[in-house]
Amino acid sequence: MLELSMEDPEGLQRIAHALSSEVRLQIINLLNKGNMNVNQLAESLEIPVSTTASHIKILEKSGLINTELRPASRGAMKVCKRNFDDIHIQLNSVENFMKNTQKFFELEMPIGQYTDFDVAPTCGMANHEGMIIPEDAPVHFYSPERSKAQIIWTRKGYFEYRFPLVIPAGSTVESVQLSLELCSEAPNHDPNWPSDLTVWINDIEVGTWTSPGDFGERPGKLNPKYWTETTSTQYGSLKTWKVTKRHSAIDDVHLSDVTVDELGVLDRMFMSFRIGIKEDAIHKGGLNLFGREFGDHPQDIKLKIEYS
């Protein structure tokens, strides 16, 4: 759910502008049925592709949809997907609002703050100043310098994080949500390089998403100049895993039957989150993780727990 308030008038204006067009409302309605590329949307709406692309740009800027480039028979195509099920606009003060609504615990974890890992070449990490450790040298992943990382990668293995929890005793956890920017890890880059990326929460396997490739055909929006001039990975896809009382989903698409009650979130003072490639994965295409200063999305690994 997208939360908006009077404390963010610019955000309200972007959403209001995005929803002020009948065509853009029709686009959102079409995306309710599934992901579509720009050509498919233009054909369904019977309008030019250029006009559709302009509307997509406004919706993307508002955050209501995400787009990602995927391989096509001729080059690449832009695939669009809806980002939220609901929009809530808070018109009164935050203090009064929070007294009477569901509570949330939120925390962002820098990608370099992993507590456990298993990596193999090609592997490495970098930030806005340059490479942090020697490339393809797994032993250096123990370095304290890892906390400064803004992009990390490995050809196989995993990264695990521990999120400290501050949730009142006696609470009931309604959902757990984790979002991060990521992609496969290919030599240089390759948009057609699938990788089966699995998520575990508190050692419970939540589900697997297959990254379509390693993206580098254009610079990432946040990348430093020295990195944009390389032939390396440039950006990833922003993906959101969510575990509720009913099931687990990725970007609101059913992923598995694992429920939040199975995770035992309140059984300890922290929640563990692991992402990696299983030994028996069909597509072992590696993993890139992006921090808030690399790729396209200005965020680290974002945790959101809804409780009552």
Protein backbone atom coordinates (compact mmCIF):
# COMPACT_ATOMS: atom_id res chain seq x y z
CA MET A 1 0.00 0.00 0.00
CA LEU A 2 1.26 3.48 -0.89
CA GLU A 3 1.15 5.80 2.13
CA LEU A 4 0.81 9.54 1.46
CA SER A 5 0.39 12.46 3.83
CA MET A 6 0.22 16.25 3.96
CA GLU A 7 3.85 16.18 5.08
CA ASP A 8 4.82 15.25 1.51
CA PRO A 9 2.97 17.74 -0.74
CA GLU A 10 5.26 17.03 -3.72
CA GLY A 11 4.45 13.31 -3.50
CA LEU A 12 0.74 14.09 -3.35
CA GLN A 13 1.03 16.32 -6.41
CA ARG A 14 2.88 13.64 -8.41
CA ILE A 15 0.22 11.04 -7.61
CA ALA A 16 -2.64 13.46 -8.29
CA HIS A 17 -1.11 14.40 -11.65
CA ALA A 18 -0.55 10.75 -12.57
CA LEU A 19 -4.18 9.90 -11.81
CA SER A 20 -5.66 12.97 -13.50
CA SER A 21 -5.60 11.38 -16.97
CA GLU A 22 -8.20 8.92 -18.24
CA VAL A 23 -5.55 7.21 -20.37
CA ARG A 24 -3.26 6.70 -17.38
CA LEU A 25 -6.15 5.28 -15.37
CA GLN A 26 -6.80 2.84 -18.22
CA ILE A 27 -3.12 1.83 -18.21
CA ILE A 28 -3.25 1.06 -14.47
CA ASN A 29 -6.43 -0.93 -15.02
CA LEU A 30 -4.79 -2.97 -17.78
CA LEU A 31 -1.80 -3.66 -15.52
CA ASN A 32 -4.20 -5.04 -12.90
CA LYS A 33 -4.48 -8.08 -15.16
CA GLY A 34 -0.71 -8.59 -15.50
CA ASN A 35 2.52 -7.07 -16.74
CA MET A 36 2.48 -5.60 -20.26
CA ASN A 37 5.03 -3.95 -22.51
CA VAL A 38 4.54 -0.53 -24.06
CA ASN A 39 3.52 -1.90 -27.47
CA GLN A 40 0.86 -4.13 -25.90
CA LEU A 41 -0.55 -1.20 -23.92
CA ALA A 42 -0.62 1.03 -27.00
CA GLU A 43 -2.43 -1.66 -29.00
CA SER A 44 -5.00 -2.23 -26.23
CA LEU A 45 -5.67 1.50 -25.88
CA GLU A 46 -5.57 2.11 -29.65
CA ILE A 47 -3.18 5.05 -29.28
CA PRO A 48 0.33 5.69 -30.68
CA VAL A 49 3.28 4.02 -28.96
CA SER A 50 4.91 7.44 -28.46
CA THR A 51 1.83 8.72 -26.61
CA THR A 52 1.74 5.59 -24.47
CA ALA A 53 5.43 5.99 -23.62
CA SER A 54 4.79 9.57 -22.43
CA HIS A 55 2.03 8.41 -20.10
CA ILE A 56 4.22 5.55 -18.84
CA LYS A 57 6.97 8.04 -17.98
CA ILE A 58 4.56 10.06 -15.81
CA LEU A 59 3.26 6.94 -14.03
CA GLU A 60 6.82 5.72 -13.48
CA LYS A 61 7.90 9.08 -12.02
CA SER A 62 4.97 8.98 -9.59
CA GLY A 63 6.01 5.50 -8.39
CA LEU A 64 2.67 3.93 -9.30
CA ILE A 65 4.33 1.57 -11.78
CA ASN A 66 7.80 0.12 -12.31
CA THR A 67 9.39 -0.65 -15.67
CA GLU A 68 12.27 -2.90 -16.61
CA LEU A 69 13.99 -3.71 -19.88
CA ARG A 70 13.80 -7.30 -21.03
CA PRO A 71 15.30 -9.04 -24.07
CA ALA A 72 13.15 -9.02 -27.20
CA SER A 73 13.52 -10.42 -30.71
CA ARG A 74 14.84 -7.03 -31.75
CA GLY A 75 16.83 -5.41 -28.97
CA ALA A 76 14.95 -4.87 -25.71
CA MET A 77 11.39 -4.08 -24.66
CA LYS A 78 10.14 -2.06 -21.70
CA VAL A 79 7.82 -4.13 -19.48
CA CYS A 80 5.49 -2.30 -17.09
CA LYS A 81 4.03 -3.56 -13.81
CA ARG A 82 1.78 -2.01 -11.21
CA ASN A 83 3.49 -1.14 -7.93
CA PHE A 84 0.67 -0.88 -5.35
CA ASP A 85 -2.73 -2.40 -4.56
CA ASP A 86 -3.93 0.56 -2.49
CA ILE A 87 -3.23 4.25 -1.93
CA HIS A 88 -3.86 5.77 1.50
CA ILE A 89 -3.79 9.56 1.86
CA GLN A 90 -3.43 10.82 5.42
CA LEU A 91 -4.94 14.31 5.79
CA ASN A 92 -4.54 14.77 9.54
CA SER A 93 -1.38 14.80 11.68
CA VAL A 94 0.88 11.77 11.87
CA GLU A 95 0.56 11.66 15.65
CA ASN A 96 -3.25 11.46 15.61
CA PHE A 97 -3.23 9.03 12.69
CA MET A 98 -0.90 6.53 14.34
CA LYS A 99 -3.03 6.33 17.50
CA ASN A 100 -5.83 4.58 15.63
CA THR A 101 -4.27 2.55 12.83
CA GLN A 102 -2.13 -0.45 12.11
CA LYS A 103 1.48 -0.07 13.21
CA PHE A 104 4.60 -0.53 11.10
CA PHE A 105 8.23 -1.28 11.88
CA GLU A 106 10.57 -0.15 9.10
CA LEU A 107 14.34 -0.38 8.70
CA GLU A 108 16.82 -0.15 5.83
CA MET A 109 19.92 -2.33 5.87
CA PRO A 110 23.03 -1.32 3.86
CA ILE A 111 23.97 -4.11 1.45
CA GLY A 112 27.47 -4.35 2.91
CA GLN A 113 26.20 -5.12 6.43
CA TYR A 114 25.73 -8.84 5.81
CA THR A 115 26.37 -11.17 8.76
CA ASP A 116 27.13 -14.29 6.72
CA PHE A 117 28.03 -15.01 3.11
CA ASP A 118 29.23 -17.57 0.61
CA VAL A 119 30.80 -16.16 -2.55
CA ALA A 120 32.89 -17.31 -5.50
CA PRO A 121 34.46 -15.53 -8.50
CA THR A 122 33.35 -13.50 -10.21
CA CYS A 123 32.83 -11.52 -7.00
CA GLY A 124 33.60 -8.10 -5.60
CA MET A 125 32.23 -4.85 -4.22
CA ALA A 126 32.51 -1.15 -4.98
CA ASN A 127 31.16 2.27 -4.04
CA HIS A 128 31.26 5.80 -5.48
CA GLU A 129 35.00 6.06 -4.92
CA GLY A 130 36.03 2.77 -6.54
CA MET A 131 36.61 -0.90 -5.78
CA ILE A 132 36.55 -1.60 -2.03
CA ILE A 133 38.33 -4.95 -2.09
CA PRO A 134 40.40 -6.85 -4.68
CA GLU A 135 38.11 -8.41 -7.26
CA ASP A 136 37.58 -12.19 -7.26
CA ALA A 137 39.14 -12.61 -3.79
CA PRO A 138 36.44 -14.11 -1.48
CA VAL A 139 38.56 -13.77 1.68
CA HIS A 140 38.26 -9.98 1.47
CA PHE A 141 34.48 -10.17 1.93
CA TYR A 142 35.32 -10.35 5.67
CA SER A 143 36.87 -6.87 5.48
CA PRO A 144 35.27 -4.15 7.66
CA GLU A 145 35.36 -2.00 4.52
CA ARG A 146 32.34 -3.99 3.31
CA SER A 147 30.08 -1.61 5.26
CA LYS A 148 30.80 1.06 2.62
CA ALA A 149 29.68 -1.09 -0.33
CA GLN A 150 27.10 0.25 -2.78
CA ILE A 151 27.22 -2.71 -5.17
CA ILE A 152 28.24 -6.30 -4.39
CA TRP A 153 28.27 -9.34 -6.63
CA THR A 154 29.03 -13.05 -6.69
CA ARG A 155 28.83 -15.84 -9.25
CA LYS A 156 27.25 -18.19 -6.71
CA GLY A 157 26.41 -18.44 -3.01
CA TYR A 158 24.40 -16.05 -0.83
CA PHE A 159 24.35 -13.02 1.47
CA GLU A 160 22.57 -13.05 4.83
CA TYR A 161 21.47 -10.09 6.97
CA ARG A 162 20.06 -9.69 10.48
CA PHE A 163 17.51 -6.95 11.11
CA PRO A 164 17.10 -5.94 14.79
CA LEU A 165 13.41 -5.83 15.77
CA VAL A 166 11.77 -3.30 18.07
CA ILE A 167 8.14 -4.43 18.20
CA PRO A 168 6.00 -4.23 21.39
CA ALA A 169 5.46 -7.46 23.32
CA GLY A 170 2.08 -9.04 22.69
CA SER A 171 1.86 -7.74 19.13
CA THR A 172 0.61 -9.83 16.23
CA VAL A 173 2.64 -9.71 13.03
CA GLU A 174 0.37 -9.29 10.01
CA SER A 175 2.94 -9.18 7.21
CA VAL A 176 6.66 -8.98 6.44
CA GLN A 177 7.86 -7.14 3.35
CA LEU A 178 11.41 -6.86 1.95
CA SER A 179 12.40 -4.89 -1.13
CA LEU A 180 15.76 -4.50 -2.87
CA GLU A 181 17.32 -3.82 -6.26
CA LEU A 182 19.10 -6.83 -7.78
CA CYS A 183 19.94 -8.73 -10.96
CA SER A 184 22.01 -11.66 -12.26
CA GLU A 185 25.83 -11.67 -12.50
CA ALA A 186 27.23 -12.37 -15.98
CA PRO A 187 30.67 -11.72 -17.47
CA ASN A 188 30.55 -7.94 -18.11
CA HIS A 189 26.76 -7.89 -18.59
CA ASP A 190 24.13 -9.90 -20.47
CA PRO A 191 20.36 -9.17 -20.46
CA ASN A 192 19.68 -12.82 -21.29
CA TRP A 193 21.43 -14.45 -18.31
CA PRO A 194 18.79 -16.01 -16.02
CA SER A 195 19.49 -16.67 -12.36
CA ASP A 196 17.20 -18.38 -9.82
CA LEU A 197 17.37 -16.15 -6.72
CA THR A 198 15.89 -17.64 -3.55
CA VAL A 199 14.88 -15.80 -0.36
CA TRP A 200 14.88 -17.27 3.14
CA ILE A 201 13.43 -15.49 6.20
CA ASN A 202 14.41 -16.92 9.59
CA ASP A 203 15.76 -19.97 7.73
CA ILE A 204 12.36 -20.60 6.11
CA GLU A 205 12.47 -20.74 2.31
CA VAL A 206 9.95 -18.19 1.07
CA GLY A 207 10.36 -18.66 -2.67
CA THR A 208 12.45 -18.18 -5.80
CA TRP A 209 12.37 -15.49 -8.47
CA THR A 210 14.25 -15.92 -11.74
CA SER A 211 16.16 -12.78 -12.67
CA PRO A 212 16.09 -12.50 -16.48
CA GLY A 213 19.60 -11.11 -16.83
CA ASP A 214 22.46 -8.80 -15.91
CA PHE A 215 21.65 -5.29 -17.12
CA GLY A 216 24.31 -2.97 -18.50
CA GLU A 217 23.15 -1.58 -21.84
CA ARG A 218 22.79 1.87 -20.24
CA PRO A 219 24.24 3.57 -17.15
CA GLY A 220 22.41 3.22 -13.84
CA LYS A 221 20.71 6.47 -12.84
CA LEU A 222 22.69 6.74 -9.59
CA ASN A 223 26.07 5.36 -10.66
CA PRO A 224 29.29 7.40 -10.41
CA LYS A 225 30.99 8.53 -13.60
CA TYR A 226 33.85 6.05 -13.36
CA TRP A 227 31.37 3.15 -13.26
CA THR A 228 29.15 4.35 -16.12
CA GLU A 229 32.21 4.28 -18.38
CA THR A 230 32.77 0.55 -17.79
CA THR A 231 31.11 -2.45 -19.46
CA SER A 232 29.99 -3.81 -16.10
CA THR A 233 26.57 -4.31 -14.54
CA GLN A 234 24.77 -0.96 -14.32
CA TYR A 235 21.36 -1.46 -12.68
CA GLY A 236 18.86 -4.07 -11.49
CA SER A 237 15.17 -4.68 -10.94
CA LEU A 238 13.43 -3.47 -7.78
CA LYS A 239 11.67 -6.53 -6.36
CA THR A 240 9.44 -6.85 -3.30
CA TRP A 241 8.88 -10.09 -1.38
CA LYS A 242 5.86 -10.05 0.94
CA VAL A 243 4.70 -12.72 3.38
CA THR A 244 1.16 -12.39 4.77
CA LYS A 245 -1.33 -14.47 6.73
CA ARG A 246 -2.40 -16.09 3.43
CA HIS A 247 0.73 -16.67 1.36
CA SER A 248 4.04 -15.33 0.07
CA ALA A 249 4.23 -13.13 -3.02
CA ILE A 250 6.72 -11.21 -5.14
CA ASP A 251 5.43 -7.90 -6.50
CA ASP A 252 1.96 -9.06 -5.41
CA VAL A 253 2.17 -12.23 -7.55
CA HIS A 254 1.72 -15.53 -5.67
CA LEU A 255 5.07 -17.17 -4.94
CA SER A 256 4.47 -19.89 -2.31
CA ASP A 257 2.11 -20.99 0.45
CA VAL A 258 4.49 -19.93 3.25
CA THR A 259 2.65 -17.65 5.72
CA VAL A 260 3.91 -15.05 8.16
CA ASP A 261 2.90 -17.21 11.13
CA GLU A 262 5.46 -19.83 10.02
CA LEU A 263 8.34 -17.34 10.23
CA GLY A 264 8.34 -16.93 14.03
CA VAL A 265 9.17 -13.24 13.67
CA LEU A 266 8.72 -12.42 17.37
CA ASP A 267 10.55 -15.50 18.66
CA ARG A 268 13.89 -13.66 18.71
CA MET A 269 15.35 -10.15 18.79
CA PHE A 270 16.27 -10.12 15.12
CA MET A 271 14.94 -11.33 11.79
CA SER A 272 17.34 -13.03 9.39
CA PHE A 273 17.09 -12.48 5.66
CA ARG A 274 19.11 -14.53 3.16
CA ILE A 275 19.18 -14.22 -0.60
CA GLY A 276 21.20 -16.43 -2.91
CA ILE A 277 21.43 -19.21 -5.45
CA LYS A 278 20.68 -22.77 -4.31
CA GLU A 279 23.14 -25.53 -5.18
CA ASP A 280 20.43 -27.36 -7.15
CA ALA A 281 19.11 -24.26 -8.93
CA ILE A 282 18.33 -24.70 -12.61
CA HIS A 283 19.71 -21.27 -13.53
CA LYS A 284 22.92 -20.47 -11.63
CA GLY A 285 23.43 -17.01 -13.01
CA GLY A 286 24.90 -15.24 -9.99
CA LEU A 287 23.72 -12.20 -8.05
CA ASN A 288 24.24 -8.41 -7.96
CA LEU A 289 22.87 -6.31 -5.08
CA PHE A 290 22.58 -2.51 -5.28
CA GLY A 291 22.73 0.06 -2.47
CA ARG A 292 21.08 3.45 -2.34
CA GLU A 293 23.89 5.13 -4.33
CA PHE A 294 24.09 2.62 -7.21
CA GLY A 295 21.69 1.36 -9.87
CA ASP A 296 18.32 3.01 -10.44
CA HIS A 297 16.63 3.04 -7.02
CA PRO A 298 17.85 5.13 -4.04
CA GLN A 299 17.33 2.53 -1.33
CA ASP A 300 19.15 -0.24 0.51
CA ILE A 301 17.46 -3.48 1.61
CA LYS A 302 14.17 -2.19 2.98
CA LEU A 303 12.24 -4.11 5.64
CA LYS A 304 8.63 -3.32 6.56
CA ILE A 305 6.72 -5.29 9.19
CA GLU A 306 3.01 -4.65 9.72
CA TYR A 307 1.70 -5.55 13.18
CA SER A 308 -1.33 -5.01 15.38
